[in-house]
Amino acid sequence: MEYTKDLILNVNYGQAGKTKKGGLTILGKVIEKITKHKAISTIVSITLMLMILDIMLVSSFVEILSSI
């Protein structure tokens, strides 16, 4: 009965637990934060893309106005 319970609950005795890697780089930390907070990173990336598009459109408009 004990063995069956261990199989059902997927318990493994005698194995060390998962250890976290100590040598994470800055890029690794950033990627970990992005994967944890997908909604916030999506909002930030859309905002940045729209800001770049806005700057491009305004500069194009000013260029057209200056040529008149």
N, C-alpha and C. Protein backbone atom coordinates (compact mmCIF):
# COMPACT_ATOMS: atom_id res chain seq x y z
N MET A 1 0.83 -1.18 0.00
CA MET A 1 0.00 0.00 0.00
C MET A 1 0.88 1.26 0.00
N GLU A 2 1.94 1.23 0.76
CA GLU A 2 2.84 2.38 0.83
C GLU A 2 3.52 2.61 -0.52
N TYR A 3 3.91 1.52 -1.17
CA TYR A 3 4.56 1.61 -2.47
C TYR A 3 3.61 2.17 -3.52
N THR A 4 2.35 1.77 -3.49
CA THR A 4 1.35 2.26 -4.43
C THR A 4 1.11 3.75 -4.23
N LYS A 5 1.06 4.18 -2.97
CA LYS A 5 0.87 5.59 -2.68
C LYS A 5 2.03 6.42 -3.22
N ASP A 6 3.24 5.88 -3.07
CA ASP A 6 4.42 6.58 -3.59
C ASP A 6 4.39 6.68 -5.11
N LEU A 7 3.91 5.64 -5.77
CA LEU A 7 3.80 5.68 -7.23
C LEU A 7 2.74 6.68 -7.69
N ILE A 8 1.62 6.73 -7.00
CA ILE A 8 0.55 7.65 -7.37
C ILE A 8 0.97 9.10 -7.15
N LEU A 9 1.61 9.37 -6.02
CA LEU A 9 2.02 10.73 -5.69
C LEU A 9 3.35 11.12 -6.33
N ASN A 10 4.00 10.17 -7.03
CA ASN A 10 5.27 10.41 -7.71
C ASN A 10 6.34 10.90 -6.73
N VAL A 11 6.49 10.16 -5.63
CA VAL A 11 7.47 10.50 -4.60
C VAL A 11 8.75 9.72 -4.87
N ASN A 12 9.88 10.41 -4.84
CA ASN A 12 11.18 9.78 -5.01
C ASN A 12 12.00 10.01 -3.76
N TYR A 13 12.35 8.94 -3.07
CA TYR A 13 13.13 9.04 -1.85
C TYR A 13 14.61 8.96 -2.17
N GLY A 14 15.42 9.65 -1.38
CA GLY A 14 16.86 9.55 -1.51
C GLY A 14 17.45 10.45 -2.57
N GLN A 15 16.70 11.35 -3.13
CA GLN A 15 17.23 12.27 -4.13
C GLN A 15 17.26 13.67 -3.55
N ALA A 16 18.29 14.38 -3.91
CA ALA A 16 18.41 15.76 -3.43
C ALA A 16 17.38 16.63 -4.13
N GLY A 17 16.95 17.67 -3.44
CA GLY A 17 16.01 18.60 -4.03
C GLY A 17 16.66 19.45 -5.10
N LYS A 18 15.85 20.15 -5.83
CA LYS A 18 16.37 21.01 -6.88
C LYS A 18 17.12 22.18 -6.25
N THR A 19 18.29 22.43 -6.75
CA THR A 19 19.08 23.55 -6.25
C THR A 19 19.12 24.63 -7.32
N LYS A 20 19.10 25.84 -6.88
CA LYS A 20 19.14 26.97 -7.79
C LYS A 20 20.58 27.28 -8.15
N LYS A 21 20.81 27.59 -9.41
CA LYS A 21 22.16 27.92 -9.85
C LYS A 21 22.57 29.25 -9.26
N GLY A 22 23.76 29.30 -8.72
CA GLY A 22 24.22 30.52 -8.07
C GLY A 22 24.80 31.52 -9.04
N GLY A 23 25.25 31.09 -10.20
CA GLY A 23 25.94 31.97 -11.12
C GLY A 23 25.06 32.50 -12.24
N LEU A 24 23.91 33.05 -11.91
CA LEU A 24 23.06 33.64 -12.95
C LEU A 24 23.65 34.97 -13.41
N THR A 25 23.66 35.15 -14.70
CA THR A 25 24.16 36.41 -15.24
C THR A 25 23.05 37.45 -15.21
N ILE A 26 23.39 38.65 -15.55
CA ILE A 26 22.40 39.73 -15.58
C ILE A 26 21.35 39.42 -16.64
N LEU A 27 21.78 38.93 -17.79
CA LEU A 27 20.84 38.58 -18.86
C LEU A 27 19.91 37.46 -18.40
N GLY A 28 20.43 36.50 -17.68
CA GLY A 28 19.61 35.41 -17.16
C GLY A 28 18.55 35.91 -16.19
N LYS A 29 18.94 36.86 -15.36
CA LYS A 29 17.98 37.44 -14.41
C LYS A 29 16.88 38.20 -15.13
N VAL A 30 17.25 38.94 -16.17
CA VAL A 30 16.26 39.71 -16.93
C VAL A 30 15.29 38.76 -17.62
N ILE A 31 15.81 37.70 -18.23
CA ILE A 31 14.94 36.73 -18.90
C ILE A 31 14.02 36.04 -17.90
N GLU A 32 14.52 35.76 -16.72
CA GLU A 32 13.69 35.15 -15.68
C GLU A 32 12.56 36.09 -15.25
N LYS A 33 12.87 37.38 -15.11
CA LYS A 33 11.83 38.35 -14.74
C LYS A 33 10.78 38.47 -15.83
N ILE A 34 11.22 38.46 -17.11
CA ILE A 34 10.28 38.58 -18.22
C ILE A 34 9.36 37.37 -18.26
N THR A 35 9.89 36.19 -18.04
CA THR A 35 9.05 35.00 -18.08
C THR A 35 8.09 34.94 -16.90
N LYS A 36 8.47 35.52 -15.77
CA LYS A 36 7.56 35.54 -14.62
C LYS A 36 6.43 36.55 -14.81
N HIS A 37 6.73 37.70 -15.38
CA HIS A 37 5.76 38.79 -15.49
C HIS A 37 5.46 39.06 -16.97
N LYS A 38 4.73 38.16 -17.60
CA LYS A 38 4.46 38.27 -19.03
C LYS A 38 3.55 39.45 -19.36
N ALA A 39 2.57 39.72 -18.53
CA ALA A 39 1.63 40.81 -18.82
C ALA A 39 2.34 42.16 -18.77
N ILE A 40 3.16 42.37 -17.76
CA ILE A 40 3.87 43.64 -17.63
C ILE A 40 4.86 43.82 -18.76
N SER A 41 5.58 42.77 -19.12
CA SER A 41 6.56 42.88 -20.21
C SER A 41 5.87 43.10 -21.55
N THR A 42 4.68 42.53 -21.74
CA THR A 42 3.93 42.77 -22.97
C THR A 42 3.49 44.22 -23.06
N ILE A 43 2.99 44.77 -21.97
CA ILE A 43 2.55 46.16 -21.94
C ILE A 43 3.72 47.09 -22.21
N VAL A 44 4.86 46.82 -21.61
CA VAL A 44 6.04 47.66 -21.81
C VAL A 44 6.52 47.61 -23.25
N SER A 45 6.54 46.41 -23.84
CA SER A 45 7.02 46.29 -25.22
C SER A 45 6.06 46.97 -26.20
N ILE A 46 4.76 46.85 -26.00
CA ILE A 46 3.79 47.54 -26.87
C ILE A 46 3.93 49.04 -26.72
N THR A 47 4.12 49.53 -25.50
CA THR A 47 4.30 50.96 -25.27
C THR A 47 5.54 51.48 -25.99
N LEU A 48 6.64 50.75 -25.91
CA LEU A 48 7.87 51.17 -26.59
C LEU A 48 7.69 51.18 -28.11
N MET A 49 7.02 50.17 -28.65
CA MET A 49 6.79 50.14 -30.10
C MET A 49 5.92 51.31 -30.55
N LEU A 50 4.89 51.64 -29.78
CA LEU A 50 4.03 52.76 -30.14
C LEU A 50 4.76 54.09 -30.02
N MET A 51 5.66 54.23 -29.04
CA MET A 51 6.44 55.45 -28.91
C MET A 51 7.36 55.63 -30.11
N ILE A 52 8.00 54.54 -30.54
CA ILE A 52 8.89 54.61 -31.71
C ILE A 52 8.09 54.96 -32.95
N LEU A 53 6.91 54.35 -33.12
CA LEU A 53 6.06 54.67 -34.27
C LEU A 53 5.63 56.13 -34.25
N ASP A 54 5.30 56.65 -33.07
CA ASP A 54 4.89 58.04 -32.94
C ASP A 54 6.04 58.98 -33.32
N ILE A 55 7.24 58.69 -32.88
CA ILE A 55 8.40 59.53 -33.21
C ILE A 55 8.65 59.52 -34.71
N MET A 56 8.51 58.34 -35.33
CA MET A 56 8.71 58.24 -36.78
C MET A 56 7.66 59.05 -37.53
N LEU A 57 6.41 58.98 -37.11
CA LEU A 57 5.33 59.71 -37.79
C LEU A 57 5.48 61.22 -37.61
N VAL A 58 5.84 61.67 -36.42
CA VAL A 58 6.01 63.10 -36.18
C VAL A 58 7.19 63.63 -36.98
N SER A 59 8.29 62.89 -37.02
CA SER A 59 9.44 63.37 -37.78
C SER A 59 9.14 63.39 -39.28
N SER A 60 8.37 62.45 -39.76
CA SER A 60 7.95 62.44 -41.16
C SER A 60 7.06 63.64 -41.46
N PHE A 61 6.15 63.96 -40.56
CA PHE A 61 5.24 65.10 -40.74
C PHE A 61 6.03 66.41 -40.74
N VAL A 62 7.00 66.54 -39.85
CA VAL A 62 7.81 67.75 -39.80
C VAL A 62 8.64 67.88 -41.08
N GLU A 63 9.13 66.79 -41.59
CA GLU A 63 9.90 66.79 -42.84
C GLU A 63 9.03 67.22 -44.02
N ILE A 64 7.79 66.75 -44.04
CA ILE A 64 6.85 67.16 -45.10
C ILE A 64 6.53 68.65 -44.98
N LEU A 65 6.31 69.13 -43.75
CA LEU A 65 6.01 70.54 -43.55
C LEU A 65 7.19 71.44 -43.93
N SER A 66 8.38 71.00 -43.67
CA SER A 66 9.55 71.82 -43.97
C SER A 66 9.83 71.88 -45.47
N SER A 67 9.36 70.92 -46.22
CA SER A 67 9.58 70.93 -47.67
C SER A 67 8.58 71.82 -48.40
N ILE A 68 7.53 72.26 -47.74
CA ILE A 68 6.51 73.09 -48.39
C ILE A 68 6.98 74.52 -48.50
